[in-house]
Amino acid sequence: MIRITNDAQFHDLVGRDKLTIVVFKTTWCGDCHYINPFMPDVVQQYEGKATFYEVDRDELPDLCIELNILGIPSFIAYKDGKEIARFVSKLRKTREEIEQFVNRTIEMAELL
């Protein structure tokens, strides 16, 4: 995943007309480290259907406040600059749950 490093880059990338999924993480988050080993495979699995980026919540705190990012990791799907889905829970996210979220957002994006 490509890391987004500033607010302008974020708004540019999520404003595109394709499905974009942004993963909000931090370096100190245990659940974020849990998903790290399998996320490259997930990203590759959905190549051509969704583009994935990551944001370190501690590096872009104002953006995360604006987006109401409280729990991490958080997954937010965008198309044409609009949020179409959000996957946030206080429980650890499994690969299967993440794949279900991505599959749902692909279906939703096709309807838009």
C-alpha atoms as a PDB file:
ATOM      1  CA  MET A   1       0.000   0.000   0.000  1.00  0.00           C
ATOM      2  CA  ILE A   2       1.143   3.482  -0.760  1.00  0.00           C
ATOM      3  CA  ARG A   3       1.278   5.794   2.244  1.00  0.00           C
ATOM      4  CA  ILE A   4      -0.555   9.099   2.013  1.00  0.00           C
ATOM      5  CA  THR A   5       1.581  11.799   3.586  1.00  0.00           C
ATOM      6  CA  ASN A   6      -0.521  14.981   3.403  1.00  0.00           C
ATOM      7  CA  ASP A   7      -4.107  16.212   3.238  1.00  0.00           C
ATOM      8  CA  ALA A   8      -3.886  17.420  -0.375  1.00  0.00           C
ATOM      9  CA  GLN A   9      -2.624  14.025  -1.541  1.00  0.00           C
ATOM     10  CA  PHE A  10      -5.467  12.329   0.339  1.00  0.00           C
ATOM     11  CA  HIS A  11      -8.148  14.507  -1.255  1.00  0.00           C
ATOM     12  CA  ASP A  12      -6.618  14.054  -4.709  1.00  0.00           C
ATOM     13  CA  LEU A  13      -6.502  10.259  -4.430  1.00  0.00           C
ATOM     14  CA  VAL A  14      -9.991   9.747  -2.981  1.00  0.00           C
ATOM     15  CA  GLY A  15     -11.449  12.184  -5.516  1.00  0.00           C
ATOM     16  CA  ARG A  16     -10.799   9.882  -8.437  1.00  0.00           C
ATOM     17  CA  ASP A  17     -13.558   7.997 -10.231  1.00  0.00           C
ATOM     18  CA  LYS A  18     -12.377   4.549  -9.171  1.00  0.00           C
ATOM     19  CA  LEU A  19     -12.856   2.678  -5.925  1.00  0.00           C
ATOM     20  CA  THR A  20     -10.267   3.762  -3.381  1.00  0.00           C
ATOM     21  CA  ILE A  21      -9.878   2.158   0.037  1.00  0.00           C
ATOM     22  CA  VAL A  22      -7.887   3.978   2.690  1.00  0.00           C
ATOM     23  CA  VAL A  23      -6.608   2.117   5.739  1.00  0.00           C
ATOM     24  CA  PHE A  24      -6.020   4.345   8.762  1.00  0.00           C
ATOM     25  CA  LYS A  25      -3.356   2.929  11.095  1.00  0.00           C
ATOM     26  CA  THR A  26      -0.613   3.858  13.546  1.00  0.00           C
ATOM     27  CA  THR A  27       2.769   2.365  14.325  1.00  0.00           C
ATOM     28  CA  TRP A  28       1.837   1.562  17.933  1.00  0.00           C
ATOM     29  CA  CYS A  29      -1.480  -0.211  17.208  1.00  0.00           C
ATOM     30  CA  GLY A  30      -1.380  -3.942  17.887  1.00  0.00           C
ATOM     31  CA  ASP A  31      -4.372  -4.689  15.671  1.00  0.00           C
ATOM     32  CA  CYS A  32      -2.710  -2.719  12.857  1.00  0.00           C
ATOM     33  CA  HIS A  33       0.355  -4.944  13.157  1.00  0.00           C
ATOM     34  CA  TYR A  34      -1.925  -7.996  13.097  1.00  0.00           C
ATOM     35  CA  ILE A  35      -3.236  -7.156   9.602  1.00  0.00           C
ATOM     36  CA  ASN A  36       0.184  -6.192   8.174  1.00  0.00           C
ATOM     37  CA  PRO A  37       1.280  -9.723   7.168  1.00  0.00           C
ATOM     38  CA  PHE A  38      -1.778 -10.465   5.001  1.00  0.00           C
ATOM     39  CA  MET A  39      -2.665  -7.019   3.655  1.00  0.00           C
ATOM     40  CA  PRO A  40      -0.204  -7.185   0.706  1.00  0.00           C
ATOM     41  CA  ASP A  41      -2.006 -10.335  -0.474  1.00  0.00           C
ATOM     42  CA  VAL A  42      -5.402  -8.643  -0.061  1.00  0.00           C
ATOM     43  CA  VAL A  43      -4.204  -5.631  -2.049  1.00  0.00           C
ATOM     44  CA  GLN A  44      -2.904  -7.895  -4.819  1.00  0.00           C
ATOM     45  CA  GLN A  45      -6.112  -9.972  -4.802  1.00  0.00           C
ATOM     46  CA  TYR A  46      -8.200  -6.879  -5.593  1.00  0.00           C
ATOM     47  CA  GLU A  47      -5.799  -5.283  -8.082  1.00  0.00           C
ATOM     48  CA  GLY A  48      -7.799  -3.640 -10.846  1.00  0.00           C
ATOM     49  CA  LYS A  49     -10.946  -3.547  -8.704  1.00  0.00           C
ATOM     50  CA  ALA A  50      -9.818  -1.301  -5.843  1.00  0.00           C
ATOM     51  CA  THR A  51      -6.790   0.818  -5.028  1.00  0.00           C
ATOM     52  CA  PHE A  52      -5.518   0.747  -1.459  1.00  0.00           C
ATOM     53  CA  TYR A  53      -3.692   3.478   0.447  1.00  0.00           C
ATOM     54  CA  GLU A  54      -2.713   3.879   4.069  1.00  0.00           C
ATOM     55  CA  VAL A  55      -2.681   6.851   6.410  1.00  0.00           C
ATOM     56  CA  ASP A  56      -0.819   6.996   9.704  1.00  0.00           C
ATOM     57  CA  ARG A  57      -3.315   8.663  12.010  1.00  0.00           C
ATOM     58  CA  ASP A  58      -0.520  10.204  14.070  1.00  0.00           C
ATOM     59  CA  GLU A  59       1.058  11.831  10.983  1.00  0.00           C
ATOM     60  CA  LEU A  60      -2.193  13.443   9.775  1.00  0.00           C
ATOM     61  CA  PRO A  61      -4.175  14.171  12.962  1.00  0.00           C
ATOM     62  CA  ASP A  62      -6.205  17.078  11.529  1.00  0.00           C
ATOM     63  CA  LEU A  63      -7.380  14.966   8.589  1.00  0.00           C
ATOM     64  CA  CYS A  64      -8.329  12.146  10.940  1.00  0.00           C
ATOM     65  CA  ILE A  65     -10.283  14.533  13.160  1.00  0.00           C
ATOM     66  CA  GLU A  66     -12.077  15.865  10.068  1.00  0.00           C
ATOM     67  CA  LEU A  67     -12.936  12.285   9.040  1.00  0.00           C
ATOM     68  CA  ASN A  68     -13.858  11.216  12.581  1.00  0.00           C
ATOM     69  CA  ILE A  69     -11.263   8.434  12.676  1.00  0.00           C
ATOM     70  CA  LEU A  70     -11.386   7.128  16.219  1.00  0.00           C
ATOM     71  CA  GLY A  71     -10.769   3.386  16.067  1.00  0.00           C
ATOM     72  CA  ILE A  72      -7.845   1.904  14.228  1.00  0.00           C
ATOM     73  CA  PRO A  73      -7.355   0.234  11.953  1.00  0.00           C
ATOM     74  CA  SER A  74     -10.233   1.848  10.080  1.00  0.00           C
ATOM     75  CA  PHE A  75     -11.079   1.115   6.451  1.00  0.00           C
ATOM     76  CA  ILE A  76     -12.923   3.772   4.447  1.00  0.00           C
ATOM     77  CA  ALA A  77     -13.968   3.298   0.819  1.00  0.00           C
ATOM     78  CA  TYR A  78     -14.345   6.258  -1.529  1.00  0.00           C
ATOM     79  CA  LYS A  79     -15.476   6.829  -5.076  1.00  0.00           C
ATOM     80  CA  ASP A  80     -15.567  10.222  -6.807  1.00  0.00           C
ATOM     81  CA  GLY A  81     -14.539  11.911  -3.553  1.00  0.00           C
ATOM     82  CA  LYS A  82     -17.470  10.528  -1.598  1.00  0.00           C
ATOM     83  CA  GLU A  83     -17.305   8.042   1.242  1.00  0.00           C
ATOM     84  CA  ILE A  84     -19.337   4.985   0.288  1.00  0.00           C
ATOM     85  CA  ALA A  85     -18.504   2.594   3.135  1.00  0.00           C
ATOM     86  CA  ARG A  86     -16.642   2.380   6.412  1.00  0.00           C
ATOM     87  CA  PHE A  87     -15.366  -0.643   8.340  1.00  0.00           C
ATOM     88  CA  VAL A  88     -14.607   0.188  11.941  1.00  0.00           C
ATOM     89  CA  SER A  89     -14.975  -1.986  14.998  1.00  0.00           C
ATOM     90  CA  LYS A  90     -13.341  -2.320  18.371  1.00  0.00           C
ATOM     91  CA  LEU A  91     -12.589  -5.963  17.632  1.00  0.00           C
ATOM     92  CA  ARG A  92      -9.548  -7.234  15.754  1.00  0.00           C
ATOM     93  CA  LYS A  93     -10.285  -7.470  12.038  1.00  0.00           C
ATOM     94  CA  THR A  94      -9.667 -10.772  10.322  1.00  0.00           C
ATOM     95  CA  ARG A  95      -8.632 -11.236   6.715  1.00  0.00           C
ATOM     96  CA  GLU A  96     -12.066 -12.698   5.974  1.00  0.00           C
ATOM     97  CA  GLU A  97     -13.858  -9.658   7.436  1.00  0.00           C
ATOM     98  CA  ILE A  98     -11.670  -7.301   5.436  1.00  0.00           C
ATOM     99  CA  GLU A  99     -12.322  -9.282   2.247  1.00  0.00           C
ATOM    100  CA  GLN A 100     -16.074  -9.195   2.930  1.00  0.00           C
ATOM    101  CA  PHE A 101     -15.886  -5.423   3.352  1.00  0.00           C
ATOM    102  CA  VAL A 102     -13.936  -5.027   0.106  1.00  0.00           C
ATOM    103  CA  ASN A 103     -16.355  -7.286  -1.783  1.00  0.00           C
ATOM    104  CA  ARG A 104     -19.328  -5.251  -0.534  1.00  0.00           C
ATOM    105  CA  THR A 105     -17.699  -1.972  -1.494  1.00  0.00           C
ATOM    106  CA  ILE A 106     -16.900  -3.264  -4.979  1.00  0.00           C
ATOM    107  CA  GLU A 107     -20.574  -4.136  -5.441  1.00  0.00           C
ATOM    108  CA  MET A 108     -21.628  -0.725  -4.120  1.00  0.00           C
ATOM    109  CA  ALA A 109     -19.135   1.134  -6.334  1.00  0.00           C
ATOM    110  CA  GLU A 110     -20.441  -0.644  -9.429  1.00  0.00           C
ATOM    111  CA  LEU A 111     -23.942   0.666  -8.678  1.00  0.00           C
ATOM    112  CA  LEU A 112     -22.769   4.280  -8.448  1.00  0.00           C
END
